[in-house]
Amino acid sequence: MLTDTIARKRWRFSIALGAALSPSRRAANQYHKWYYSTEVWKQTTWMGVPVMKSVSDMWNYQEILHSLRPSLLLEFGTFYGGSAMFFASILRQIGAPFRVLSVDIDHSNVYDAVKQDSAIELLTASSSGEDALQRIKKLKAEYPGPVFAILDSDHSKAHVLSELMAIRPLLSSGDYVIVEDSNINGHPVLPLWGPGPYEAVTEYVKNFPDDYILDSERENKFGFTFAPHGFLMRR
């Protein structure tokens, strides 16, 4: 009886201690703000090439890629090319045929190592323009199967909304879309930015409520993300 009483007390104490030590949403937001404002994400590299993403988001992406096993990966916004190389590395490990299409209006900053990767195609064009859309259609025919798309170019609401509208007829059920940098404009960083990716997703979902399922489990897995409300699964 005594042993049983002690065990119950220890169990209650462990529950109370766990609750006391569990980080609050405020703590997560504070860490998010620290992580963003220190710009450590600008010092994040993949195989020596700058990526400029949250490392926890990158881990989440590789888990999604392993589960989805896409044959075509669309990246809107290339910059240095580190994330394109990261995605190609993960997909190469999966082993199925694939193509990474990275679209940007300027590829002058892309590292040579990225340009030399045969699995990566760099398209210099507007991500919501006709050239990009026609190339995506051709690649879908060459690489049939699931699509993973990540929107990380111009972070204005109007542009992100135009990207979401552009890829809408190109995606199928089960495809996955990430809308990055929806953390700006006070979600919770850069409160003076103005309407951006977060607001674009909000308006899109209002207009097309049946297009996507918000993958909240993925979004919340590591406590914070640069893509709040931006983990979208096509219905």
Protein backbone atom coordinates (compact mmCIF):
# COMPACT_ATOMS: atom_id res chain seq x y z
CA MET A 1 0.00 0.00 0.00
CA LEU A 2 2.80 2.40 0.92
CA THR A 3 4.68 1.60 -2.26
CA ASP A 4 1.51 2.16 -4.30
CA THR A 5 0.92 5.54 -2.62
CA ILE A 6 4.50 6.66 -3.29
CA ALA A 7 4.19 5.57 -6.92
CA ARG A 8 1.00 7.60 -7.36
CA LYS A 9 2.63 10.66 -5.80
CA ARG A 10 5.62 10.34 -8.09
CA TRP A 11 3.35 9.96 -11.10
CA ARG A 12 1.36 13.10 -10.16
CA PHE A 13 4.59 15.00 -9.55
CA SER A 14 5.98 13.99 -12.96
CA ILE A 15 2.76 15.13 -14.67
CA ALA A 16 2.83 18.48 -12.86
CA LEU A 17 6.52 18.96 -13.61
CA GLY A 18 6.00 18.15 -17.26
CA ALA A 19 3.19 20.69 -17.50
CA ALA A 20 5.31 23.31 -15.76
CA LEU A 21 8.24 22.77 -18.12
CA SER A 22 6.21 22.57 -21.33
CA PRO A 23 6.93 25.68 -23.41
CA SER A 24 4.03 28.03 -23.98
CA ARG A 25 3.03 29.48 -27.34
CA ARG A 26 4.54 32.75 -26.14
CA ALA A 27 7.88 31.00 -25.55
CA ALA A 28 7.75 29.48 -29.02
CA ASN A 29 7.06 32.89 -30.55
CA GLN A 30 9.93 34.41 -28.59
CA TYR A 31 12.29 31.75 -29.89
CA HIS A 32 10.93 32.28 -33.39
CA LYS A 33 11.65 36.01 -33.13
CA TRP A 34 15.14 35.35 -31.76
CA TYR A 35 15.89 32.83 -34.52
CA TYR A 36 14.70 35.22 -37.20
CA SER A 37 16.23 38.45 -35.87
CA THR A 38 19.68 36.94 -35.33
CA GLU A 39 19.61 35.98 -39.03
CA VAL A 40 21.20 32.63 -38.22
CA TRP A 41 19.02 31.27 -41.03
CA LYS A 42 21.09 33.33 -43.45
CA GLN A 43 24.15 31.38 -42.30
CA THR A 44 22.55 27.98 -42.90
CA THR A 45 24.13 26.02 -45.75
CA TRP A 46 23.69 22.70 -47.53
CA MET A 47 26.92 21.24 -48.86
CA GLY A 48 28.46 24.71 -48.70
CA VAL A 49 25.63 26.50 -50.51
CA PRO A 50 23.44 29.00 -48.57
CA VAL A 51 19.88 27.79 -48.01
CA MET A 52 18.33 30.61 -45.95
CA LYS A 53 15.67 28.51 -44.27
CA SER A 54 14.79 27.25 -40.82
CA VAL A 55 16.61 23.98 -40.22
CA SER A 56 13.52 22.50 -38.57
CA ASP A 57 11.52 23.33 -41.68
CA MET A 58 14.17 21.62 -43.80
CA TRP A 59 13.88 18.52 -41.64
CA ASN A 60 10.11 18.62 -42.03
CA TYR A 61 10.48 18.91 -45.80
CA GLN A 62 12.68 15.85 -46.07
CA GLU A 63 10.15 13.83 -44.07
CA ILE A 64 7.37 15.00 -46.40
CA LEU A 65 9.47 14.16 -49.46
CA HIS A 66 10.20 10.68 -48.15
CA SER A 67 6.50 10.06 -47.58
CA LEU A 68 5.23 11.72 -50.77
CA ARG A 69 8.04 10.53 -53.07
CA PRO A 70 7.41 13.22 -55.68
CA SER A 71 8.64 12.86 -59.21
CA LEU A 72 8.54 16.62 -59.79
CA LEU A 73 9.63 19.27 -57.32
CA LEU A 74 8.76 22.89 -58.10
CA GLU A 75 10.66 25.65 -56.36
CA PHE A 76 9.63 29.27 -56.88
CA GLY A 77 12.55 31.42 -55.78
CA THR A 78 16.10 30.11 -56.23
CA PHE A 79 18.52 32.76 -54.91
CA TYR A 80 21.78 30.90 -54.15
CA GLY A 81 20.34 27.49 -54.98
CA GLY A 82 21.06 25.77 -51.66
CA SER A 83 17.50 24.57 -51.17
CA ALA A 84 17.31 23.23 -54.74
CA MET A 85 20.48 21.24 -54.04
CA PHE A 86 19.03 20.07 -50.70
CA PHE A 87 15.84 18.84 -52.37
CA ALA A 88 17.78 17.10 -55.12
CA SER A 89 19.97 15.37 -52.53
CA ILE A 90 16.95 14.03 -50.66
CA LEU A 91 15.15 12.88 -53.80
CA ARG A 92 18.31 11.22 -55.09
CA GLN A 93 18.44 9.16 -51.90
CA ILE A 94 14.83 8.08 -52.43
CA GLY A 95 15.92 6.60 -55.73
CA ALA A 96 12.97 7.15 -58.07
CA PRO A 97 13.26 9.29 -61.25
CA PHE A 98 12.71 12.97 -60.45
CA ARG A 99 13.30 16.53 -61.58
CA VAL A 100 13.78 19.75 -59.60
CA LEU A 101 12.60 22.88 -61.42
CA SER A 102 13.72 26.07 -59.71
CA VAL A 103 12.21 29.26 -61.12
CA ASP A 104 13.46 32.81 -60.52
CA ILE A 105 13.70 36.06 -62.45
CA ASP A 106 17.41 36.28 -61.59
CA HIS A 107 19.89 33.41 -61.32
CA SER A 108 23.05 35.49 -61.08
CA ASN A 109 23.65 34.44 -57.47
CA VAL A 110 23.32 30.69 -58.02
CA TYR A 111 26.39 28.68 -57.03
CA ASP A 112 28.22 26.69 -59.70
CA ALA A 113 27.67 23.44 -57.78
CA VAL A 114 23.92 23.92 -58.22
CA LYS A 115 24.23 24.64 -61.93
CA GLN A 116 26.27 21.46 -62.36
CA ASP A 117 23.65 19.21 -60.74
CA SER A 118 21.98 17.35 -63.61
CA ALA A 119 18.78 16.84 -61.63
CA ILE A 120 18.22 20.59 -61.19
CA GLU A 121 16.77 22.76 -63.94
CA LEU A 122 16.99 26.52 -63.53
CA LEU A 123 14.34 28.51 -65.36
CA THR A 124 14.78 32.28 -65.51
CA ALA A 125 11.21 33.53 -65.64
CA SER A 126 8.35 34.80 -63.53
CA SER A 127 7.07 32.00 -61.31
CA SER A 128 3.46 32.82 -62.22
CA GLY A 129 4.15 33.59 -65.87
CA GLU A 130 3.27 31.61 -68.96
CA ASP A 131 6.83 30.38 -69.61
CA ALA A 132 6.98 28.72 -66.18
CA LEU A 133 3.53 27.21 -66.51
CA GLN A 134 4.24 25.72 -69.92
CA ARG A 135 7.52 24.22 -68.68
CA ILE A 136 5.78 22.71 -65.66
CA LYS A 137 3.17 21.09 -67.92
CA LYS A 138 5.91 19.50 -70.05
CA LEU A 139 7.80 18.23 -67.02
CA LYS A 140 4.63 16.75 -65.53
CA ALA A 141 4.28 14.70 -68.70
CA GLU A 142 7.92 13.57 -68.48
CA TYR A 143 7.82 12.91 -64.74
CA PRO A 144 4.29 11.73 -63.92
CA GLY A 145 3.48 11.29 -60.29
CA PRO A 146 3.19 13.38 -57.12
CA VAL A 147 4.28 17.02 -57.10
CA PHE A 148 5.90 18.96 -54.25
CA ALA A 149 5.83 22.74 -54.71
CA ILE A 150 7.46 25.37 -52.52
CA LEU A 151 6.67 29.07 -52.99
CA ASP A 152 9.57 31.25 -51.84
CA SER A 153 10.02 34.11 -54.30
CA ASP A 154 8.40 37.55 -54.08
CA HIS A 155 6.76 37.71 -50.64
CA SER A 156 3.99 40.18 -51.50
CA LYS A 157 0.40 39.03 -51.09
CA ALA A 158 -0.43 39.73 -54.73
CA HIS A 159 2.46 37.69 -56.09
CA VAL A 160 1.98 34.68 -53.81
CA LEU A 161 -1.72 34.68 -54.64
CA SER A 162 -0.87 34.73 -58.34
CA GLU A 163 1.44 31.73 -57.83
CA LEU A 164 -1.26 29.79 -56.01
CA MET A 165 -3.71 30.56 -58.79
CA ALA A 166 -1.19 29.62 -61.48
CA ILE A 167 -0.44 26.17 -60.10
CA ARG A 168 -4.05 25.44 -59.15
CA PRO A 169 -4.94 23.57 -62.40
CA LEU A 170 -1.58 21.79 -62.43
CA LEU A 171 -1.89 19.93 -59.12
CA SER A 172 -3.65 16.69 -58.28
CA SER A 173 -5.01 15.16 -55.11
CA GLY A 174 -2.20 14.30 -52.72
CA ASP A 175 0.24 16.90 -54.07
CA TYR A 176 1.90 19.09 -51.46
CA VAL A 177 2.46 22.87 -51.40
CA ILE A 178 4.59 24.88 -48.99
CA VAL A 179 4.04 28.64 -48.79
CA GLU A 180 7.18 30.00 -47.16
CA ASP A 181 7.74 33.25 -45.25
CA SER A 182 4.13 33.47 -44.12
CA ASN A 183 5.70 34.34 -40.76
CA ILE A 184 6.26 37.95 -41.90
CA ASN A 185 3.80 40.81 -41.35
CA GLY A 186 3.52 39.96 -37.67
CA HIS A 187 3.11 36.17 -37.82
CA PRO A 188 5.13 36.78 -35.68
CA VAL A 189 8.06 38.64 -37.36
CA LEU A 190 8.42 41.87 -39.41
CA PRO A 191 5.07 43.33 -38.28
CA LEU A 192 5.39 46.35 -40.60
CA TRP A 193 5.96 44.33 -43.76
CA GLY A 194 2.42 44.61 -45.12
CA PRO A 195 0.19 41.89 -46.60
CA GLY A 196 2.31 38.91 -47.59
CA PRO A 197 2.20 35.12 -47.99
CA TYR A 198 0.03 34.55 -44.90
CA GLU A 199 -2.63 36.92 -46.20
CA ALA A 200 -2.38 35.35 -49.67
CA VAL A 201 -3.11 31.89 -48.25
CA THR A 202 -5.98 33.29 -46.17
CA GLU A 203 -7.62 34.85 -49.21
CA TYR A 204 -7.03 31.80 -51.38
CA VAL A 205 -8.59 29.45 -48.83
CA LYS A 206 -11.54 31.81 -48.47
CA ASN A 207 -12.12 31.68 -52.23
CA PHE A 208 -11.34 27.97 -52.68
CA PRO A 209 -12.05 26.28 -49.33
CA ASP A 210 -12.06 22.78 -50.80
CA ASP A 211 -8.68 22.89 -52.56
CA TYR A 212 -6.34 22.14 -49.66
CA ILE A 213 -6.11 20.51 -46.28
CA LEU A 214 -4.02 22.48 -43.81
CA ASP A 215 -1.41 20.08 -42.43
CA SER A 216 -1.40 21.47 -38.88
CA GLU A 217 0.43 18.46 -37.49
CA ARG A 218 3.41 19.10 -39.75
CA GLU A 219 3.27 22.84 -39.15
CA ASN A 220 3.37 22.48 -35.37
CA LYS A 221 5.81 19.57 -35.15
CA PHE A 222 8.88 21.58 -34.15
CA GLY A 223 7.14 24.40 -32.29
CA PHE A 224 7.65 27.09 -34.90
CA THR A 225 7.95 27.43 -38.65
CA PHE A 226 8.75 30.07 -41.26
CA ALA A 227 5.59 28.85 -43.05
CA PRO A 228 2.65 29.21 -40.60
CA HIS A 229 -0.59 28.12 -42.32
CA GLY A 230 1.61 27.26 -45.27
CA PHE A 231 1.71 23.44 -45.15
CA LEU A 232 -0.98 22.56 -47.68
CA MET A 233 -2.09 19.16 -48.99
CA ARG A 234 -4.15 19.13 -52.19
CA ARG A 235 -7.51 17.41 -51.72
